[in-house]
Amino acid sequence: MTKEEYIKRMKEDDEWAPGWDAIDAEFDRLYPGQEPAHYATTIESRAMFGGVEFLEGFSAFDMGNGCRHIVTYGMTELYADEKAFGGAFSRWGYEMTFKIKAQTGEECLWAMDMLSNLARYTYASEHWLEPFECIHGGTPLHEGTDSKITSVITVADTAARSLDTVNGRVDFIQLVGITEEEYQAIQQDIGNIHKLIDLMKQDNPELVTDMDRTESYL
């Protein structure tokens, strides 16, 4: 698509959202024909209207086997914007994902709150996420539980592919929950993050976070 075609389409359809459409197309490839549970943030809460919410919403797809695949909408340029056309990266260049053992989308609401907080941190600090980072929580990621999962590491999503969109490149960065023991091992030697991922993938190739996991790999 040329810039002229982009501008023409944008003027003809003020609801055109090429970034959003690209995300939907990729997840339709992963989960063909599936209608995900979608959770939109309220207009009033969004930062552009004076609120503190930088994401426009989340979709939770059924992976089967009692697992959900969550993706955010709002770290990239979702809508048509002449200034965004042809950029190297679409806004921050990635959307966050989280694969979690859960029977319903409603069971994932706490995880969406966590993703919202990470988005808020990125927009405020201008520190974006990249694969193989470690983020400490210190307490259970799911507040009010006694889960041993207290922190997350980041990886390239095990299933969603990177996209070249009209608004720039979009990667999918997956968060993976880890225990305090695993976090401490990574703090002692950052190389342990790769060792941990390799060990986890042996019996959990999609790196699904199970908040009931109690044993540590490191």
N, C-alpha and C. Protein backbone atom coordinates (compact mmCIF):
# COMPACT_ATOMS: atom_id res chain seq x y z
N MET A 1 0.85 -1.20 0.00
CA MET A 1 0.00 0.00 0.00
C MET A 1 0.88 1.24 0.00
N THR A 2 0.60 2.16 -0.92
CA THR A 2 1.34 3.41 -0.97
C THR A 2 0.78 4.38 0.07
N LYS A 3 1.53 5.44 0.32
CA LYS A 3 1.06 6.43 1.28
C LYS A 3 -0.21 7.11 0.77
N GLU A 4 -0.26 7.32 -0.54
CA GLU A 4 -1.44 7.94 -1.12
C GLU A 4 -2.67 7.05 -0.93
N GLU A 5 -2.50 5.75 -1.13
CA GLU A 5 -3.61 4.81 -0.93
C GLU A 5 -4.02 4.76 0.53
N TYR A 6 -3.02 4.83 1.41
CA TYR A 6 -3.27 4.84 2.86
C TYR A 6 -4.12 6.05 3.25
N ILE A 7 -3.70 7.21 2.79
CA ILE A 7 -4.43 8.46 3.13
C ILE A 7 -5.84 8.42 2.54
N LYS A 8 -5.97 7.91 1.33
CA LYS A 8 -7.29 7.83 0.69
C LYS A 8 -8.21 6.92 1.51
N ARG A 9 -7.70 5.76 1.91
CA ARG A 9 -8.51 4.82 2.71
C ARG A 9 -8.86 5.45 4.06
N MET A 10 -7.93 6.16 4.63
CA MET A 10 -8.15 6.79 5.94
C MET A 10 -9.26 7.84 5.85
N LYS A 11 -9.27 8.61 4.75
CA LYS A 11 -10.27 9.65 4.58
C LYS A 11 -11.64 9.07 4.28
N GLU A 12 -11.66 7.93 3.59
CA GLU A 12 -12.92 7.31 3.22
C GLU A 12 -13.55 6.54 4.37
N ASP A 13 -12.73 6.08 5.31
CA ASP A 13 -13.23 5.27 6.42
C ASP A 13 -12.58 5.73 7.71
N ASP A 14 -13.28 6.58 8.46
CA ASP A 14 -12.67 7.14 9.67
C ASP A 14 -12.63 6.12 10.82
N GLU A 15 -13.17 4.92 10.60
CA GLU A 15 -13.08 3.87 11.62
C GLU A 15 -12.05 2.80 11.25
N TRP A 16 -11.32 3.02 10.18
CA TRP A 16 -10.32 2.05 9.74
C TRP A 16 -9.23 1.91 10.80
N ALA A 17 -8.95 0.67 11.18
CA ALA A 17 -7.96 0.39 12.23
C ALA A 17 -7.00 -0.68 11.72
N PRO A 18 -6.07 -0.32 10.85
CA PRO A 18 -5.19 -1.34 10.25
C PRO A 18 -4.32 -2.08 11.25
N GLY A 19 -3.91 -1.40 12.31
CA GLY A 19 -3.10 -2.07 13.33
C GLY A 19 -3.92 -3.12 14.08
N TRP A 20 -5.13 -2.73 14.45
CA TRP A 20 -6.03 -3.66 15.15
C TRP A 20 -6.35 -4.86 14.24
N ASP A 21 -6.63 -4.56 12.97
CA ASP A 21 -6.96 -5.62 12.01
C ASP A 21 -5.80 -6.60 11.86
N ALA A 22 -4.57 -6.10 11.89
CA ALA A 22 -3.40 -6.98 11.73
C ALA A 22 -3.27 -7.93 12.92
N ILE A 23 -3.51 -7.42 14.12
CA ILE A 23 -3.46 -8.27 15.32
C ILE A 23 -4.54 -9.34 15.22
N ASP A 24 -5.76 -8.91 14.87
CA ASP A 24 -6.87 -9.86 14.76
C ASP A 24 -6.57 -10.94 13.72
N ALA A 25 -5.96 -10.54 12.61
CA ALA A 25 -5.66 -11.51 11.55
C ALA A 25 -4.66 -12.56 12.03
N GLU A 26 -3.68 -12.13 12.78
CA GLU A 26 -2.68 -13.09 13.27
C GLU A 26 -3.29 -14.07 14.27
N PHE A 27 -4.16 -13.57 15.14
CA PHE A 27 -4.76 -14.48 16.11
C PHE A 27 -5.87 -15.32 15.49
N ASP A 28 -6.45 -14.85 14.39
CA ASP A 28 -7.38 -15.70 13.66
C ASP A 28 -6.63 -16.84 12.99
N ARG A 29 -5.39 -16.59 12.61
CA ARG A 29 -4.55 -17.67 12.06
C ARG A 29 -4.31 -18.73 13.12
N LEU A 30 -4.07 -18.28 14.36
CA LEU A 30 -3.79 -19.22 15.44
C LEU A 30 -5.05 -19.94 15.90
N TYR A 31 -6.16 -19.21 15.91
CA TYR A 31 -7.42 -19.77 16.43
C TYR A 31 -8.53 -19.50 15.41
N PRO A 32 -8.47 -20.18 14.26
CA PRO A 32 -9.39 -19.87 13.16
C PRO A 32 -10.86 -20.01 13.55
N GLY A 33 -11.60 -18.96 13.22
CA GLY A 33 -13.03 -18.96 13.45
C GLY A 33 -13.46 -18.75 14.89
N GLN A 34 -12.51 -18.61 15.79
CA GLN A 34 -12.87 -18.46 17.21
C GLN A 34 -13.21 -17.01 17.54
N GLU A 35 -14.27 -16.82 18.27
CA GLU A 35 -14.64 -15.49 18.76
C GLU A 35 -14.11 -15.37 20.19
N PRO A 36 -13.06 -14.58 20.41
CA PRO A 36 -12.48 -14.52 21.74
C PRO A 36 -13.34 -13.73 22.72
N ALA A 37 -13.08 -13.91 23.98
CA ALA A 37 -13.68 -13.03 24.99
C ALA A 37 -12.89 -11.73 24.93
N HIS A 38 -13.58 -10.62 24.64
CA HIS A 38 -12.88 -9.34 24.54
C HIS A 38 -13.30 -8.43 25.68
N TYR A 39 -12.31 -7.76 26.24
CA TYR A 39 -12.55 -6.86 27.37
C TYR A 39 -12.00 -5.49 27.01
N ALA A 40 -12.88 -4.55 26.81
CA ALA A 40 -12.48 -3.20 26.43
C ALA A 40 -12.37 -2.32 27.68
N THR A 41 -11.40 -1.44 27.66
CA THR A 41 -11.32 -0.45 28.72
C THR A 41 -12.34 0.66 28.44
N THR A 42 -12.78 1.33 29.46
CA THR A 42 -13.78 2.38 29.26
C THR A 42 -13.15 3.61 28.64
N ILE A 43 -13.92 4.32 27.85
CA ILE A 43 -13.43 5.53 27.19
C ILE A 43 -12.90 6.52 28.23
N GLU A 44 -13.65 6.68 29.32
CA GLU A 44 -13.28 7.67 30.34
C GLU A 44 -11.95 7.36 31.01
N SER A 45 -11.59 6.06 31.05
CA SER A 45 -10.37 5.67 31.75
C SER A 45 -9.11 5.82 30.91
N ARG A 46 -9.27 6.04 29.61
CA ARG A 46 -8.11 6.06 28.73
C ARG A 46 -7.32 7.36 28.86
N ALA A 47 -6.01 7.21 28.72
CA ALA A 47 -5.10 8.33 28.94
C ALA A 47 -5.41 9.52 28.03
N MET A 48 -5.81 9.24 26.79
CA MET A 48 -6.08 10.34 25.86
C MET A 48 -7.24 11.21 26.31
N PHE A 49 -8.04 10.69 27.24
CA PHE A 49 -9.16 11.46 27.77
C PHE A 49 -8.95 11.84 29.23
N GLY A 50 -7.68 11.78 29.65
CA GLY A 50 -7.34 12.20 31.00
C GLY A 50 -7.28 11.10 32.02
N GLY A 51 -7.51 9.85 31.60
CA GLY A 51 -7.45 8.72 32.53
C GLY A 51 -6.05 8.14 32.63
N VAL A 52 -5.96 6.96 33.19
CA VAL A 52 -4.65 6.34 33.43
C VAL A 52 -4.49 5.03 32.66
N GLU A 53 -5.43 4.73 31.76
CA GLU A 53 -5.38 3.47 31.03
C GLU A 53 -4.85 3.70 29.62
N PHE A 54 -3.75 3.01 29.29
CA PHE A 54 -3.12 3.20 27.98
C PHE A 54 -3.49 2.11 26.99
N LEU A 55 -4.17 1.09 27.45
CA LEU A 55 -4.61 0.02 26.56
C LEU A 55 -6.08 0.20 26.23
N GLU A 56 -6.45 -0.21 25.02
CA GLU A 56 -7.85 -0.11 24.63
C GLU A 56 -8.62 -1.38 24.94
N GLY A 57 -7.89 -2.46 25.17
CA GLY A 57 -8.59 -3.69 25.51
C GLY A 57 -7.71 -4.91 25.43
N PHE A 58 -8.34 -6.05 25.63
CA PHE A 58 -7.66 -7.35 25.65
C PHE A 58 -8.58 -8.37 24.99
N SER A 59 -7.99 -9.35 24.34
CA SER A 59 -8.75 -10.52 23.88
C SER A 59 -8.15 -11.75 24.53
N ALA A 60 -9.02 -12.66 24.95
CA ALA A 60 -8.59 -13.92 25.58
C ALA A 60 -9.10 -15.07 24.72
N PHE A 61 -8.18 -15.80 24.12
CA PHE A 61 -8.51 -16.90 23.23
C PHE A 61 -8.40 -18.23 23.98
N ASP A 62 -9.26 -19.15 23.62
CA ASP A 62 -9.26 -20.48 24.21
C ASP A 62 -8.22 -21.34 23.50
N MET A 63 -7.15 -21.70 24.20
CA MET A 63 -6.10 -22.53 23.64
C MET A 63 -6.44 -24.02 23.71
N GLY A 64 -7.51 -24.35 24.45
CA GLY A 64 -7.81 -25.74 24.73
C GLY A 64 -7.08 -26.18 25.99
N ASN A 65 -7.45 -27.32 26.52
CA ASN A 65 -6.81 -27.86 27.72
C ASN A 65 -6.85 -26.89 28.90
N GLY A 66 -7.91 -26.09 28.96
CA GLY A 66 -8.06 -25.19 30.10
C GLY A 66 -7.07 -24.06 30.15
N CYS A 67 -6.68 -23.54 28.99
CA CYS A 67 -5.70 -22.45 28.95
C CYS A 67 -6.23 -21.31 28.08
N ARG A 68 -5.81 -20.10 28.41
CA ARG A 68 -6.21 -18.91 27.67
C ARG A 68 -4.97 -18.16 27.19
N HIS A 69 -5.09 -17.56 25.99
CA HIS A 69 -4.02 -16.79 25.37
C HIS A 69 -4.51 -15.35 25.27
N ILE A 70 -3.93 -14.48 26.08
CA ILE A 70 -4.36 -13.08 26.14
C ILE A 70 -3.44 -12.22 25.28
N VAL A 71 -4.03 -11.26 24.56
CA VAL A 71 -3.24 -10.29 23.82
C VAL A 71 -3.78 -8.90 24.11
N THR A 72 -2.89 -7.94 24.21
CA THR A 72 -3.28 -6.55 24.47
C THR A 72 -3.50 -5.80 23.16
N TYR A 73 -4.23 -4.70 23.26
CA TYR A 73 -4.41 -3.76 22.15
C TYR A 73 -4.10 -2.36 22.68
N GLY A 74 -3.02 -1.78 22.18
CA GLY A 74 -2.72 -0.41 22.59
C GLY A 74 -1.24 -0.08 22.74
N MET A 75 -0.37 -1.08 22.70
CA MET A 75 1.06 -0.79 22.71
C MET A 75 1.54 -0.39 21.31
N THR A 76 0.76 -0.75 20.31
CA THR A 76 1.07 -0.40 18.93
C THR A 76 0.06 0.62 18.41
N GLU A 77 0.30 1.14 17.22
CA GLU A 77 -0.61 2.10 16.60
C GLU A 77 -1.76 1.31 15.99
N LEU A 78 -2.92 1.38 16.61
CA LEU A 78 -4.05 0.57 16.18
C LEU A 78 -4.80 1.19 15.00
N TYR A 79 -4.83 2.51 14.94
CA TYR A 79 -5.67 3.19 13.96
C TYR A 79 -4.83 3.84 12.85
N ALA A 80 -5.51 4.30 11.84
CA ALA A 80 -4.83 4.98 10.73
C ALA A 80 -4.34 6.34 11.19
N ASP A 81 -3.10 6.63 10.89
CA ASP A 81 -2.48 7.91 11.25
C ASP A 81 -1.40 8.17 10.22
N GLU A 82 -1.56 9.25 9.48
CA GLU A 82 -0.61 9.55 8.41
C GLU A 82 0.83 9.57 8.91
N LYS A 83 1.04 10.04 10.14
CA LYS A 83 2.40 10.11 10.70
C LYS A 83 2.97 8.72 11.00
N ALA A 84 2.09 7.74 11.18
CA ALA A 84 2.55 6.39 11.52
C ALA A 84 2.87 5.55 10.29
N PHE A 85 2.40 5.97 9.14
CA PHE A 85 2.57 5.15 7.94
C PHE A 85 4.05 4.89 7.63
N GLY A 86 4.37 3.64 7.38
CA GLY A 86 5.70 3.28 6.92
C GLY A 86 6.78 3.36 7.97
N GLY A 87 6.42 3.50 9.25
CA GLY A 87 7.43 3.57 10.30
C GLY A 87 8.16 2.25 10.49
N ALA A 88 9.34 2.31 11.09
CA ALA A 88 10.08 1.08 11.35
C ALA A 88 9.33 0.22 12.35
N PHE A 89 8.77 0.85 13.39
CA PHE A 89 8.01 0.15 14.41
C PHE A 89 6.67 0.83 14.60
N SER A 90 5.66 0.05 14.90
CA SER A 90 4.34 0.58 15.20
C SER A 90 4.31 0.99 16.67
N ARG A 91 4.40 2.30 16.91
CA ARG A 91 4.48 2.87 18.26
C ARG A 91 5.59 2.17 19.04
N TRP A 92 5.26 1.40 20.11
CA TRP A 92 6.30 0.73 20.89
C TRP A 92 6.83 -0.52 20.18
N GLY A 93 6.16 -0.94 19.15
CA GLY A 93 6.66 -2.06 18.36
C GLY A 93 6.23 -3.43 18.82
N TYR A 94 5.37 -3.50 19.83
CA TYR A 94 4.94 -4.82 20.30
C TYR A 94 3.62 -4.71 21.04
N GLU A 95 2.92 -5.84 21.09
CA GLU A 95 1.81 -6.03 22.00
C GLU A 95 2.23 -7.13 22.98
N MET A 96 1.69 -7.06 24.18
CA MET A 96 2.00 -8.07 25.20
C MET A 96 1.02 -9.23 25.12
N THR A 97 1.52 -10.42 25.42
CA THR A 97 0.66 -11.59 25.49
C THR A 97 0.94 -12.32 26.80
N PHE A 98 -0.01 -13.15 27.18
CA PHE A 98 0.14 -13.92 28.42
C PHE A 98 -0.68 -15.18 28.25
N LYS A 99 -0.06 -16.33 28.39
CA LYS A 99 -0.76 -17.60 28.31
C LYS A 99 -0.92 -18.12 29.73
N ILE A 100 -2.14 -18.37 30.11
CA ILE A 100 -2.41 -18.69 31.51
C ILE A 100 -3.38 -19.87 31.60
N LYS A 101 -3.15 -20.70 32.58
CA LYS A 101 -4.06 -21.80 32.84
C LYS A 101 -5.32 -21.23 33.48
N ALA A 102 -6.42 -21.24 32.73
CA ALA A 102 -7.68 -20.65 33.20
C ALA A 102 -8.80 -21.19 32.34
N GLN A 103 -9.93 -21.45 32.96
CA GLN A 103 -11.07 -22.02 32.24
C GLN A 103 -11.87 -20.95 31.50
N THR A 104 -11.87 -19.72 31.98
CA THR A 104 -12.66 -18.66 31.38
C THR A 104 -11.85 -17.37 31.29
N GLY A 105 -12.33 -16.45 30.47
CA GLY A 105 -11.69 -15.14 30.37
C GLY A 105 -11.77 -14.38 31.67
N GLU A 106 -12.89 -14.56 32.39
CA GLU A 106 -13.08 -13.84 33.65
C GLU A 106 -12.01 -14.21 34.67
N GLU A 107 -11.50 -15.44 34.60
CA GLU A 107 -10.45 -15.86 35.51
C GLU A 107 -9.12 -15.17 35.20
N CYS A 108 -9.06 -14.47 34.09
CA CYS A 108 -7.82 -13.81 33.66
C CYS A 108 -7.84 -12.31 33.93
N LEU A 109 -8.88 -11.79 34.56
CA LEU A 109 -8.99 -10.35 34.74
C LEU A 109 -7.82 -9.78 35.54
N TRP A 110 -7.36 -10.52 36.54
CA TRP A 110 -6.22 -10.04 37.34
C TRP A 110 -4.98 -9.90 36.45
N ALA A 111 -4.83 -10.83 35.48
CA ALA A 111 -3.69 -10.78 34.57
C ALA A 111 -3.79 -9.57 33.65
N MET A 112 -5.00 -9.22 33.25
CA MET A 112 -5.19 -8.04 32.43
C MET A 112 -4.85 -6.78 33.21
N ASP A 113 -5.16 -6.76 34.50
CA ASP A 113 -4.76 -5.63 35.35
C ASP A 113 -3.25 -5.51 35.38
N MET A 114 -2.56 -6.64 35.47
CA MET A 114 -1.10 -6.63 35.49
C MET A 114 -0.56 -6.07 34.17
N LEU A 115 -1.12 -6.51 33.06
CA LEU A 115 -0.69 -6.01 31.75
C LEU A 115 -0.96 -4.51 31.63
N SER A 116 -2.07 -4.05 32.19
CA SER A 116 -2.37 -2.61 32.19
C SER A 116 -1.31 -1.83 32.94
N ASN A 117 -0.89 -2.37 34.09
CA ASN A 117 0.14 -1.71 34.89
C ASN A 117 1.46 -1.65 34.14
N LEU A 118 1.80 -2.72 33.41
CA LEU A 118 3.04 -2.72 32.64
C LEU A 118 2.96 -1.73 31.48
N ALA A 119 1.81 -1.62 30.86
CA ALA A 119 1.63 -0.63 29.79
C ALA A 119 1.79 0.78 30.36
N ARG A 120 1.19 1.02 31.51
CA ARG A 120 1.28 2.34 32.15
C ARG A 120 2.74 2.67 32.46
N TYR A 121 3.48 1.67 32.94
CA TYR A 121 4.90 1.87 33.26
C TYR A 121 5.68 2.23 31.99
N THR A 122 5.42 1.53 30.90
CA THR A 122 6.14 1.79 29.66
C THR A 122 5.87 3.20 29.14
N TYR A 123 4.61 3.60 29.12
CA TYR A 123 4.27 4.93 28.62
C TYR A 123 4.85 6.03 29.52
N ALA A 124 4.89 5.78 30.83
CA ALA A 124 5.39 6.80 31.76
C ALA A 124 6.91 6.88 31.76
N SER A 125 7.56 5.73 31.71
CA SER A 125 9.02 5.69 31.84
C SER A 125 9.74 5.65 30.51
N GLU A 126 9.00 5.33 29.44
CA GLU A 126 9.56 5.13 28.11
C GLU A 126 10.58 3.98 28.11
N HIS A 127 10.38 3.03 28.99
CA HIS A 127 11.18 1.80 28.98
C HIS A 127 10.31 0.70 28.40
N TRP A 128 10.66 0.27 27.19
CA TRP A 128 9.86 -0.76 26.53
C TRP A 128 10.43 -2.15 26.84
N LEU A 129 9.59 -3.14 26.65
CA LEU A 129 9.98 -4.51 26.92
C LEU A 129 10.67 -5.14 25.72
N GLU A 130 11.60 -6.02 26.01
CA GLU A 130 12.26 -6.83 25.01
C GLU A 130 12.32 -8.26 25.55
N PRO A 131 12.51 -9.25 24.68
CA PRO A 131 12.64 -10.61 25.18
C PRO A 131 13.82 -10.76 26.14
N PHE A 132 13.67 -11.69 27.07
CA PHE A 132 14.69 -12.07 28.04
C PHE A 132 14.94 -11.00 29.10
N GLU A 133 13.86 -10.31 29.47
CA GLU A 133 13.90 -9.43 30.63
C GLU A 133 13.22 -10.14 31.79
N CYS A 134 13.52 -9.67 32.99
CA CYS A 134 12.94 -10.25 34.20
C CYS A 134 12.34 -9.12 35.03
N ILE A 135 11.08 -9.27 35.39
CA ILE A 135 10.37 -8.23 36.14
C ILE A 135 9.94 -8.81 37.47
N HIS A 136 10.42 -8.22 38.55
CA HIS A 136 10.16 -8.75 39.89
C HIS A 136 8.84 -8.23 40.44
N GLY A 137 8.08 -9.13 41.02
CA GLY A 137 6.86 -8.74 41.69
C GLY A 137 7.02 -8.74 43.19
N GLY A 138 7.67 -9.80 43.69
CA GLY A 138 7.91 -9.89 45.14
C GLY A 138 6.78 -10.53 45.91
N THR A 139 5.57 -10.35 45.42
CA THR A 139 4.39 -10.97 46.02
C THR A 139 3.66 -11.71 44.91
N PRO A 140 2.71 -12.57 45.23
CA PRO A 140 2.00 -13.28 44.16
C PRO A 140 1.47 -12.33 43.09
N LEU A 141 1.67 -12.70 41.82
CA LEU A 141 1.17 -11.86 40.74
C LEU A 141 -0.33 -11.66 40.86
N HIS A 142 -1.01 -12.70 41.28
CA HIS A 142 -2.44 -12.61 41.51
C HIS A 142 -2.65 -12.25 42.97
N GLU A 143 -2.89 -10.97 43.21
CA GLU A 143 -3.04 -10.49 44.58
C GLU A 143 -4.17 -11.22 45.30
N GLY A 144 -3.94 -11.48 46.58
CA GLY A 144 -4.95 -12.14 47.38
C GLY A 144 -4.88 -13.65 47.33
N THR A 145 -3.89 -14.18 46.61
CA THR A 145 -3.70 -15.63 46.57
C THR A 145 -2.37 -15.97 47.21
N ASP A 146 -2.13 -17.26 47.43
CA ASP A 146 -0.85 -17.70 47.98
C ASP A 146 0.01 -18.35 46.91
N SER A 147 -0.20 -17.94 45.65
CA SER A 147 0.56 -18.49 44.53
C SER A 147 2.05 -18.26 44.72
N LYS A 148 2.85 -19.23 44.28
CA LYS A 148 4.30 -19.12 44.33
C LYS A 148 4.86 -18.35 43.15
N ILE A 149 3.99 -17.98 42.21
CA ILE A 149 4.42 -17.23 41.02
C ILE A 149 4.43 -15.74 41.37
N THR A 150 5.64 -15.19 41.47
CA THR A 150 5.79 -13.82 41.97
C THR A 150 6.38 -12.84 40.96
N SER A 151 6.91 -13.34 39.85
CA SER A 151 7.60 -12.48 38.90
C SER A 151 7.33 -12.98 37.49
N VAL A 152 7.81 -12.24 36.50
CA VAL A 152 7.66 -12.67 35.11
C VAL A 152 8.96 -12.49 34.36
N ILE A 153 9.13 -13.33 33.35
CA ILE A 153 10.19 -13.11 32.36
C ILE A 153 9.49 -12.87 31.03
N THR A 154 10.22 -12.32 30.07
CA THR A 154 9.65 -12.02 28.76
C THR A 154 10.34 -12.85 27.69
N VAL A 155 9.55 -13.32 26.74
CA VAL A 155 10.06 -14.07 25.60
C VAL A 155 9.28 -13.65 24.37
N ALA A 156 9.80 -13.96 23.19
CA ALA A 156 8.99 -13.80 21.99
C ALA A 156 7.86 -14.81 22.08
N ASP A 157 6.64 -14.39 21.79
CA ASP A 157 5.51 -15.30 21.89
C ASP A 157 5.82 -16.58 21.13
N THR A 158 5.50 -17.71 21.75
CA THR A 158 5.85 -19.00 21.18
C THR A 158 5.03 -19.34 19.94
N ALA A 159 3.93 -18.63 19.71
CA ALA A 159 3.06 -18.96 18.58
C ALA A 159 2.79 -17.79 17.65
N ALA A 160 2.54 -16.61 18.19
CA ALA A 160 2.20 -15.44 17.37
C ALA A 160 3.43 -14.93 16.63
N ARG A 161 3.30 -14.70 15.35
CA ARG A 161 4.41 -14.26 14.53
C ARG A 161 4.53 -12.74 14.49
N SER A 162 5.73 -12.25 14.28
CA SER A 162 5.94 -10.81 14.10
C SER A 162 5.27 -10.37 12.80
N LEU A 163 4.79 -9.12 12.79
CA LEU A 163 4.03 -8.61 11.65
C LEU A 163 4.69 -7.37 11.07
N ASP A 164 4.63 -7.25 9.76
CA ASP A 164 5.00 -6.00 9.09
C ASP A 164 3.71 -5.35 8.64
N THR A 165 3.29 -4.30 9.37
CA THR A 165 2.03 -3.64 9.08
C THR A 165 2.29 -2.30 8.40
N VAL A 166 1.22 -1.68 7.91
CA VAL A 166 1.37 -0.36 7.28
C VAL A 166 1.83 0.68 8.29
N ASN A 167 1.63 0.41 9.58
CA ASN A 167 2.07 1.33 10.62
C ASN A 167 3.42 0.94 11.21
N GLY A 168 4.07 -0.10 10.67
CA GLY A 168 5.37 -0.52 11.18
C GLY A 168 5.34 -1.93 11.76
N ARG A 169 6.49 -2.38 12.20
CA ARG A 169 6.65 -3.74 12.71
C ARG A 169 5.93 -3.92 14.05
N VAL A 170 5.33 -5.09 14.22
CA VAL A 170 4.67 -5.46 15.46
C VAL A 170 5.18 -6.82 15.89
N ASP A 171 5.78 -6.89 17.08
CA ASP A 171 6.17 -8.16 17.69
C ASP A 171 5.18 -8.48 18.79
N PHE A 172 5.18 -9.73 19.23
CA PHE A 172 4.34 -10.14 20.35
C PHE A 172 5.26 -10.66 21.45
N ILE A 173 5.29 -9.94 22.57
CA ILE A 173 6.15 -10.31 23.68
C ILE A 173 5.31 -11.00 24.75
N GLN A 174 5.66 -12.24 25.02
CA GLN A 174 4.90 -13.06 25.97
C GLN A 174 5.51 -12.97 27.36
N LEU A 175 4.66 -12.76 28.34
CA LEU A 175 5.08 -12.79 29.74
C LEU A 175 4.90 -14.21 30.27
N VAL A 176 5.85 -14.64 31.07
CA VAL A 176 5.83 -15.99 31.63
C VAL A 176 6.07 -15.89 33.13
N GLY A 177 5.13 -16.41 33.91
CA GLY A 177 5.27 -16.34 35.36
C GLY A 177 6.33 -17.27 35.91
N ILE A 178 7.10 -16.78 36.88
CA ILE A 178 8.15 -17.59 37.50
C ILE A 178 8.06 -17.46 39.03
N THR A 179 8.71 -18.38 39.71
CA THR A 179 8.71 -18.38 41.17
C THR A 179 9.80 -17.45 41.71
N GLU A 180 9.73 -17.18 43.01
CA GLU A 180 10.75 -16.34 43.64
C GLU A 180 12.12 -16.99 43.55
N GLU A 181 12.18 -18.33 43.70
CA GLU A 181 13.46 -19.04 43.60
C GLU A 181 14.06 -18.87 42.20
N GLU A 182 13.22 -18.96 41.20
CA GLU A 182 13.70 -18.78 39.83
C GLU A 182 14.17 -17.35 39.60
N TYR A 183 13.45 -16.40 40.15
CA TYR A 183 13.86 -15.01 40.03
C TYR A 183 15.23 -14.79 40.67
N GLN A 184 15.42 -15.32 41.86
CA GLN A 184 16.69 -15.15 42.55
C GLN A 184 17.84 -15.78 41.78
N ALA A 185 17.58 -16.93 41.14
CA ALA A 185 18.62 -17.59 40.33
C ALA A 185 19.01 -16.72 39.14
N ILE A 186 18.04 -16.05 38.55
CA ILE A 186 18.32 -15.16 37.42
C ILE A 186 19.10 -13.94 37.90
N GLN A 187 18.78 -13.44 39.10
CA GLN A 187 19.52 -12.30 39.64
C GLN A 187 20.98 -12.65 39.87
N GLN A 188 21.24 -13.88 40.25
CA GLN A 188 22.61 -14.31 40.48
C GLN A 188 23.38 -14.48 39.18
N ASP A 189 22.67 -14.91 38.13
CA ASP A 189 23.31 -15.12 36.83
C ASP A 189 22.25 -14.94 35.75
N ILE A 190 22.35 -13.84 34.99
CA ILE A 190 21.34 -13.53 33.99
C ILE A 190 21.25 -14.64 32.95
N GLY A 191 22.32 -15.40 32.78
CA GLY A 191 22.29 -16.51 31.83
C GLY A 191 21.29 -17.58 32.21
N ASN A 192 20.90 -17.59 33.47
CA ASN A 192 19.94 -18.59 33.93
C ASN A 192 18.56 -18.38 33.31
N ILE A 193 18.30 -17.19 32.74
CA ILE A 193 17.00 -16.97 32.12
C ILE A 193 16.83 -17.88 30.91
N HIS A 194 17.90 -18.09 30.15
CA HIS A 194 17.84 -18.99 28.99
C HIS A 194 17.76 -20.44 29.45
N LYS A 195 18.47 -20.76 30.50
CA LYS A 195 18.40 -22.12 31.04
C LYS A 195 16.99 -22.42 31.53
N LEU A 196 16.39 -21.45 32.22
CA LEU A 196 15.03 -21.63 32.73
C LEU A 196 14.04 -21.85 31.59
N ILE A 197 14.13 -21.04 30.55
CA ILE A 197 13.21 -21.18 29.42
C ILE A 197 13.34 -22.56 28.78
N ASP A 198 14.58 -23.02 28.60
CA ASP A 198 14.81 -24.33 27.99
C ASP A 198 14.22 -25.44 28.86
N LEU A 199 14.38 -25.34 30.17
CA LEU A 199 13.85 -26.36 31.06
C LEU A 199 12.32 -26.34 31.07
N MET A 200 11.74 -25.16 31.09
CA MET A 200 10.29 -25.05 31.11
C MET A 200 9.68 -25.62 29.83
N LYS A 201 10.33 -25.36 28.70
CA LYS A 201 9.78 -25.79 27.42
C LYS A 201 9.75 -27.30 27.26
N GLN A 202 10.55 -28.00 28.05
CA GLN A 202 10.59 -29.46 27.92
C GLN A 202 9.23 -30.09 28.22
N ASP A 203 8.51 -29.53 29.18
CA ASP A 203 7.17 -30.08 29.47
C ASP A 203 6.07 -29.03 29.30
N ASN A 204 6.44 -27.83 28.84
CA ASN A 204 5.47 -26.76 28.67
C ASN A 204 5.91 -25.91 27.48
N PRO A 205 5.85 -26.48 26.26
CA PRO A 205 6.41 -25.79 25.09
C PRO A 205 5.78 -24.44 24.79
N GLU A 206 4.54 -24.22 25.19
CA GLU A 206 3.89 -22.93 24.94
C GLU A 206 4.14 -21.93 26.07
N LEU A 207 4.86 -22.35 27.10
CA LEU A 207 5.19 -21.50 28.25
C LEU A 207 3.93 -20.89 28.87
N VAL A 208 2.95 -21.75 29.10
CA VAL A 208 1.73 -21.35 29.78
C VAL A 208 2.01 -21.18 31.27
N THR A 209 1.55 -20.09 31.83
CA THR A 209 1.74 -19.84 33.26
C THR A 209 0.64 -20.55 34.06
N ASP A 210 1.08 -21.39 34.98
CA ASP A 210 0.16 -22.08 35.89
C ASP A 210 0.37 -21.49 37.27
N MET A 211 -0.60 -20.72 37.72
CA MET A 211 -0.46 -20.04 39.00
C MET A 211 -0.47 -21.01 40.18
N ASP A 212 -0.78 -22.26 39.93
CA ASP A 212 -0.75 -23.28 40.99
C ASP A 212 0.58 -24.01 41.04
N ARG A 213 1.50 -23.66 40.14
CA ARG A 213 2.80 -24.33 40.16
C ARG A 213 3.55 -23.98 41.43
N THR A 214 4.12 -25.00 42.07
CA THR A 214 4.85 -24.77 43.33
C THR A 214 6.33 -25.12 43.22
N GLU A 215 6.67 -26.05 42.33
CA GLU A 215 8.06 -26.46 42.17
C GLU A 215 8.79 -25.52 41.22
N SER A 216 10.05 -25.26 41.53
CA SER A 216 10.88 -24.38 40.69
C SER A 216 11.79 -25.20 39.79
N TYR A 217 12.07 -24.65 38.61
CA TYR A 217 12.97 -25.33 37.66
C TYR A 217 14.43 -25.04 37.97
N LEU A 218 14.70 -24.00 38.68
CA LEU A 218 16.08 -23.62 39.02
C LEU A 218 16.26 -23.64 40.54
